[in-house]
Amino acid sequence: MPDRQQRTIAAMIKLYCRGQGHTDQPPCADCQEMLDYALLRLERCPFAPNKPTCDRCPIHCYAPAMRERVRAAMRYAGPRMLLHHPWMALTHLYDRLMSGRRIAQRQKRPN
């Protein structure tokens, strides 16, 4: 799953960069910085390999400013992923649904 999440975030940031008109060859330097940061966070995630999607994660490992930048990129690219990368979009939605179920199951378990 982490490889798929890395490919998905890369596709989303490139789509965002291109859509914002940053450069002809995405990603631009700012978007590349955001991508490098996101990939580093994915690599160091303490929940790997059963990592939930970031919006469902119980901890927030992104710095607040970077979290807002990535959130803006995902907000822009998310709906467009269905047109440009439909399989990635569907698998991301599936991962999101399943991570919500895993979190709910963990909360129901007695300690």
N, C-alpha and C. Protein backbone atom coordinates (compact mmCIF):
# COMPACT_ATOMS: atom_id res chain seq x y z
N MET A 1 0.80 -1.20 0.00
CA MET A 1 0.00 0.00 0.00
C MET A 1 0.85 1.27 0.00
N PRO A 2 1.96 1.36 0.73
CA PRO A 2 2.72 2.61 0.70
C PRO A 2 3.18 3.02 -0.69
N ASP A 3 3.60 2.06 -1.52
CA ASP A 3 4.00 2.42 -2.88
C ASP A 3 2.85 3.05 -3.63
N ARG A 4 1.67 2.49 -3.46
CA ARG A 4 0.49 3.03 -4.13
C ARG A 4 0.19 4.43 -3.60
N GLN A 5 0.33 4.64 -2.30
CA GLN A 5 0.09 5.96 -1.75
C GLN A 5 1.12 6.97 -2.24
N GLN A 6 2.35 6.52 -2.41
CA GLN A 6 3.39 7.41 -2.93
C GLN A 6 3.09 7.81 -4.37
N ARG A 7 2.67 6.85 -5.17
CA ARG A 7 2.32 7.15 -6.57
C ARG A 7 1.10 8.08 -6.62
N THR A 8 0.15 7.86 -5.74
CA THR A 8 -1.07 8.67 -5.75
C THR A 8 -0.77 10.11 -5.35
N ILE A 9 0.00 10.32 -4.29
CA ILE A 9 0.31 11.69 -3.87
C ILE A 9 1.15 12.39 -4.93
N ALA A 10 2.04 11.67 -5.59
CA ALA A 10 2.84 12.27 -6.66
C ALA A 10 1.95 12.70 -7.82
N ALA A 11 1.01 11.85 -8.20
CA ALA A 11 0.10 12.20 -9.29
C ALA A 11 -0.77 13.39 -8.92
N MET A 12 -1.22 13.44 -7.67
CA MET A 12 -2.07 14.55 -7.23
C MET A 12 -1.31 15.87 -7.22
N ILE A 13 -0.08 15.85 -6.74
CA ILE A 13 0.70 17.09 -6.69
C ILE A 13 1.06 17.56 -8.10
N LYS A 14 1.39 16.64 -8.98
CA LYS A 14 1.69 17.03 -10.37
C LYS A 14 0.45 17.61 -11.05
N LEU A 15 -0.70 17.01 -10.81
CA LEU A 15 -1.95 17.51 -11.37
C LEU A 15 -2.26 18.91 -10.83
N TYR A 16 -2.04 19.09 -9.55
CA TYR A 16 -2.23 20.40 -8.92
C TYR A 16 -1.29 21.43 -9.53
N CYS A 17 -0.03 21.10 -9.66
CA CYS A 17 0.98 22.01 -10.19
C CYS A 17 0.63 22.44 -11.61
N ARG A 18 0.27 21.46 -12.43
CA ARG A 18 -0.09 21.75 -13.81
C ARG A 18 -1.35 22.63 -13.86
N GLY A 19 -2.33 22.32 -13.02
CA GLY A 19 -3.58 23.07 -13.00
C GLY A 19 -3.43 24.49 -12.51
N GLN A 20 -2.45 24.72 -11.66
CA GLN A 20 -2.21 26.06 -11.14
C GLN A 20 -1.32 26.88 -12.08
N GLY A 21 -0.83 26.25 -13.15
CA GLY A 21 0.00 26.95 -14.12
C GLY A 21 1.39 27.28 -13.61
N HIS A 22 1.91 26.48 -12.69
CA HIS A 22 3.23 26.75 -12.13
C HIS A 22 4.33 26.60 -13.17
N THR A 23 4.33 25.50 -13.91
CA THR A 23 5.34 25.28 -14.96
C THR A 23 4.74 24.39 -16.04
N ASP A 24 5.42 24.32 -17.17
CA ASP A 24 4.98 23.41 -18.22
C ASP A 24 5.33 21.97 -17.89
N GLN A 25 6.41 21.78 -17.16
CA GLN A 25 6.85 20.44 -16.76
C GLN A 25 6.70 20.29 -15.26
N PRO A 26 5.53 19.84 -14.80
CA PRO A 26 5.37 19.70 -13.35
C PRO A 26 6.23 18.59 -12.80
N PRO A 27 6.64 18.62 -11.58
CA PRO A 27 6.33 19.67 -10.62
C PRO A 27 7.36 20.79 -10.62
N CYS A 28 6.89 21.98 -10.28
CA CYS A 28 7.80 23.13 -10.13
C CYS A 28 8.59 22.95 -8.82
N ALA A 29 9.47 23.86 -8.53
CA ALA A 29 10.32 23.73 -7.33
C ALA A 29 9.49 23.70 -6.05
N ASP A 30 8.47 24.57 -5.94
CA ASP A 30 7.63 24.58 -4.74
C ASP A 30 6.85 23.28 -4.59
N CYS A 31 6.28 22.82 -5.69
CA CYS A 31 5.50 21.57 -5.64
C CYS A 31 6.41 20.36 -5.43
N GLN A 32 7.63 20.41 -5.95
CA GLN A 32 8.58 19.32 -5.72
C GLN A 32 8.95 19.26 -4.24
N GLU A 33 9.10 20.44 -3.61
CA GLU A 33 9.38 20.48 -2.17
C GLU A 33 8.21 19.84 -1.40
N MET A 34 6.99 20.16 -1.80
CA MET A 34 5.82 19.59 -1.14
C MET A 34 5.77 18.08 -1.36
N LEU A 35 6.08 17.62 -2.56
CA LEU A 35 6.10 16.19 -2.86
C LEU A 35 7.17 15.47 -2.06
N ASP A 36 8.37 16.02 -2.01
CA ASP A 36 9.46 15.41 -1.24
C ASP A 36 9.07 15.28 0.23
N TYR A 37 8.45 16.31 0.76
CA TYR A 37 8.02 16.30 2.16
C TYR A 37 6.97 15.22 2.39
N ALA A 38 5.98 15.15 1.50
CA ALA A 38 4.92 14.15 1.64
C ALA A 38 5.48 12.73 1.54
N LEU A 39 6.40 12.51 0.62
CA LEU A 39 6.99 11.17 0.47
C LEU A 39 7.82 10.80 1.69
N LEU A 40 8.51 11.76 2.26
CA LEU A 40 9.28 11.51 3.48
C LEU A 40 8.35 11.14 4.63
N ARG A 41 7.26 11.84 4.77
CA ARG A 41 6.28 11.54 5.82
C ARG A 41 5.69 10.15 5.63
N LEU A 42 5.38 9.78 4.38
CA LEU A 42 4.86 8.43 4.11
C LEU A 42 5.90 7.37 4.47
N GLU A 43 7.15 7.64 4.13
CA GLU A 43 8.23 6.69 4.40
C GLU A 43 8.43 6.46 5.89
N ARG A 44 8.25 7.50 6.67
CA ARG A 44 8.50 7.42 8.12
C ARG A 44 7.24 7.15 8.95
N CYS A 45 6.14 6.84 8.30
CA CYS A 45 4.87 6.65 9.01
C CYS A 45 4.98 5.49 10.00
N PRO A 46 4.63 5.72 11.26
CA PRO A 46 4.71 4.65 12.26
C PRO A 46 3.64 3.57 12.08
N PHE A 47 2.63 3.81 11.26
CA PHE A 47 1.56 2.85 11.06
C PHE A 47 1.78 1.95 9.84
N ALA A 48 2.85 2.17 9.09
CA ALA A 48 3.12 1.34 7.91
C ALA A 48 3.32 -0.10 8.36
N PRO A 49 2.92 -1.08 7.63
CA PRO A 49 2.32 -1.08 6.31
C PRO A 49 0.80 -0.95 6.32
N ASN A 50 0.15 -0.95 7.47
CA ASN A 50 -1.31 -0.83 7.54
C ASN A 50 -1.73 0.60 7.80
N LYS A 51 -1.11 1.51 7.09
CA LYS A 51 -1.31 2.93 7.29
C LYS A 51 -2.71 3.36 6.85
N PRO A 52 -3.40 4.15 7.69
CA PRO A 52 -4.66 4.73 7.24
C PRO A 52 -4.36 5.91 6.31
N THR A 53 -5.37 6.37 5.60
CA THR A 53 -5.16 7.58 4.81
C THR A 53 -4.91 8.73 5.78
N CYS A 54 -4.21 9.73 5.34
CA CYS A 54 -3.77 10.80 6.25
C CYS A 54 -4.93 11.52 6.93
N ASP A 55 -6.05 11.69 6.23
CA ASP A 55 -7.16 12.39 6.86
C ASP A 55 -7.81 11.57 7.96
N ARG A 56 -7.55 10.28 8.01
CA ARG A 56 -8.11 9.41 9.05
C ARG A 56 -7.08 9.00 10.09
N CYS A 57 -5.89 9.52 9.98
CA CYS A 57 -4.81 9.12 10.87
C CYS A 57 -4.97 9.75 12.26
N PRO A 58 -4.71 8.99 13.33
CA PRO A 58 -4.84 9.54 14.67
C PRO A 58 -3.74 10.53 15.06
N ILE A 59 -2.61 10.50 14.34
CA ILE A 59 -1.56 11.48 14.60
C ILE A 59 -1.38 12.34 13.35
N HIS A 60 -0.88 13.55 13.53
CA HIS A 60 -0.63 14.42 12.40
C HIS A 60 0.86 14.71 12.35
N CYS A 61 1.53 14.11 11.38
CA CYS A 61 2.98 14.23 11.33
C CYS A 61 3.45 15.36 10.42
N TYR A 62 2.52 16.03 9.74
CA TYR A 62 2.89 17.15 8.88
C TYR A 62 2.98 18.43 9.72
N ALA A 63 3.93 19.28 9.38
CA ALA A 63 3.99 20.61 9.98
C ALA A 63 2.74 21.37 9.54
N PRO A 64 2.19 22.24 10.37
CA PRO A 64 0.93 22.91 10.03
C PRO A 64 0.92 23.62 8.67
N ALA A 65 1.98 24.33 8.34
CA ALA A 65 2.02 25.05 7.06
C ALA A 65 2.03 24.08 5.89
N MET A 66 2.81 23.02 6.00
CA MET A 66 2.87 22.03 4.93
C MET A 66 1.55 21.26 4.83
N ARG A 67 0.93 21.01 5.96
CA ARG A 67 -0.36 20.31 5.95
C ARG A 67 -1.38 21.10 5.14
N GLU A 68 -1.38 22.42 5.30
CA GLU A 68 -2.31 23.26 4.54
C GLU A 68 -1.99 23.25 3.05
N ARG A 69 -0.71 23.26 2.71
CA ARG A 69 -0.33 23.20 1.29
C ARG A 69 -0.76 21.89 0.66
N VAL A 70 -0.52 20.79 1.35
CA VAL A 70 -0.89 19.48 0.81
C VAL A 70 -2.41 19.36 0.75
N ARG A 71 -3.09 19.86 1.76
CA ARG A 71 -4.56 19.82 1.76
C ARG A 71 -5.12 20.59 0.57
N ALA A 72 -4.55 21.76 0.27
CA ALA A 72 -5.00 22.55 -0.89
C ALA A 72 -4.76 21.79 -2.19
N ALA A 73 -3.62 21.14 -2.30
CA ALA A 73 -3.32 20.37 -3.51
C ALA A 73 -4.29 19.20 -3.65
N MET A 74 -4.57 18.52 -2.56
CA MET A 74 -5.50 17.38 -2.62
C MET A 74 -6.93 17.85 -2.90
N ARG A 75 -7.31 18.97 -2.34
CA ARG A 75 -8.65 19.51 -2.58
C ARG A 75 -8.82 19.83 -4.07
N TYR A 76 -7.77 20.36 -4.69
CA TYR A 76 -7.83 20.67 -6.12
C TYR A 76 -7.79 19.39 -6.96
N ALA A 77 -6.84 18.53 -6.65
CA ALA A 77 -6.58 17.37 -7.51
C ALA A 77 -7.57 16.23 -7.30
N GLY A 78 -8.12 16.10 -6.10
CA GLY A 78 -8.99 14.97 -5.79
C GLY A 78 -10.09 14.72 -6.80
N PRO A 79 -10.94 15.71 -7.06
CA PRO A 79 -12.02 15.47 -8.04
C PRO A 79 -11.50 15.23 -9.45
N ARG A 80 -10.37 15.81 -9.79
CA ARG A 80 -9.82 15.66 -11.14
C ARG A 80 -9.13 14.32 -11.34
N MET A 81 -8.79 13.66 -10.24
CA MET A 81 -8.14 12.35 -10.34
C MET A 81 -9.04 11.34 -11.05
N LEU A 82 -10.35 11.45 -10.88
CA LEU A 82 -11.26 10.52 -11.55
C LEU A 82 -11.13 10.59 -13.06
N LEU A 83 -10.82 11.75 -13.59
CA LEU A 83 -10.65 11.90 -15.04
C LEU A 83 -9.25 11.50 -15.50
N HIS A 84 -8.24 11.92 -14.74
CA HIS A 84 -6.86 11.73 -15.17
C HIS A 84 -6.26 10.40 -14.73
N HIS A 85 -6.61 9.95 -13.55
CA HIS A 85 -6.07 8.70 -13.00
C HIS A 85 -7.19 7.95 -12.28
N PRO A 86 -8.17 7.42 -13.02
CA PRO A 86 -9.35 6.83 -12.37
C PRO A 86 -9.02 5.66 -11.44
N TRP A 87 -8.08 4.82 -11.82
CA TRP A 87 -7.77 3.67 -10.98
C TRP A 87 -7.14 4.11 -9.65
N MET A 88 -6.25 5.08 -9.71
CA MET A 88 -5.64 5.61 -8.49
C MET A 88 -6.71 6.23 -7.59
N ALA A 89 -7.63 6.96 -8.20
CA ALA A 89 -8.69 7.60 -7.42
C ALA A 89 -9.55 6.56 -6.72
N LEU A 90 -9.92 5.51 -7.43
CA LEU A 90 -10.77 4.48 -6.83
C LEU A 90 -10.04 3.71 -5.74
N THR A 91 -8.78 3.39 -5.95
CA THR A 91 -8.05 2.66 -4.91
C THR A 91 -7.82 3.55 -3.69
N HIS A 92 -7.64 4.85 -3.91
CA HIS A 92 -7.49 5.76 -2.77
C HIS A 92 -8.80 5.83 -1.97
N LEU A 93 -9.92 5.88 -2.66
CA LEU A 93 -11.21 5.88 -1.96
C LEU A 93 -11.41 4.57 -1.20
N TYR A 94 -11.00 3.47 -1.81
CA TYR A 94 -11.10 2.17 -1.13
C TYR A 94 -10.21 2.16 0.13
N ASP A 95 -8.98 2.63 0.00
CA ASP A 95 -8.07 2.70 1.15
C ASP A 95 -8.67 3.57 2.26
N ARG A 96 -9.29 4.66 1.88
CA ARG A 96 -9.90 5.56 2.86
C ARG A 96 -11.05 4.86 3.58
N LEU A 97 -11.87 4.17 2.84
CA LEU A 97 -12.99 3.43 3.44
C LEU A 97 -12.48 2.35 4.38
N MET A 98 -11.49 1.60 3.95
CA MET A 98 -10.97 0.50 4.77
C MET A 98 -10.22 1.03 6.00
N SER A 99 -9.52 2.14 5.87
CA SER A 99 -8.80 2.67 7.04
C SER A 99 -9.80 3.16 8.08
N GLY A 100 -10.93 3.67 7.66
CA GLY A 100 -11.97 4.06 8.61
C GLY A 100 -12.53 2.87 9.35
N ARG A 101 -12.68 1.75 8.66
CA ARG A 101 -13.15 0.53 9.31
C ARG A 101 -12.13 -0.01 10.30
N ARG A 102 -10.84 0.01 9.90
CA ARG A 102 -9.80 -0.49 10.81
C ARG A 102 -9.74 0.35 12.08
N ILE A 103 -9.89 1.66 11.94
CA ILE A 103 -9.87 2.54 13.11
C ILE A 103 -11.06 2.24 14.01
N ALA A 104 -12.24 2.04 13.41
CA ALA A 104 -13.43 1.76 14.19
C ALA A 104 -13.29 0.42 14.92
N GLN A 105 -12.69 -0.57 14.27
CA GLN A 105 -12.49 -1.88 14.91
C GLN A 105 -11.52 -1.77 16.08
N ARG A 106 -10.47 -0.97 15.93
CA ARG A 106 -9.50 -0.79 17.02
C ARG A 106 -10.17 -0.14 18.23
N GLN A 107 -11.08 0.79 17.98
CA GLN A 107 -11.75 1.49 19.08
C GLN A 107 -12.74 0.58 19.81
N LYS A 108 -13.28 -0.42 19.14
CA LYS A 108 -14.25 -1.34 19.75
C LYS A 108 -13.59 -2.40 20.59
N ARG A 109 -12.32 -2.72 20.31
CA ARG A 109 -11.62 -3.78 21.04
C ARG A 109 -11.41 -3.41 22.49
N PRO A 110 -11.68 -4.35 23.40
CA PRO A 110 -11.37 -4.07 24.81
C PRO A 110 -9.87 -4.17 25.03
N ASN A 111 -9.35 -3.37 25.92
CA ASN A 111 -7.89 -3.37 26.19
C ASN A 111 -7.52 -4.41 27.18
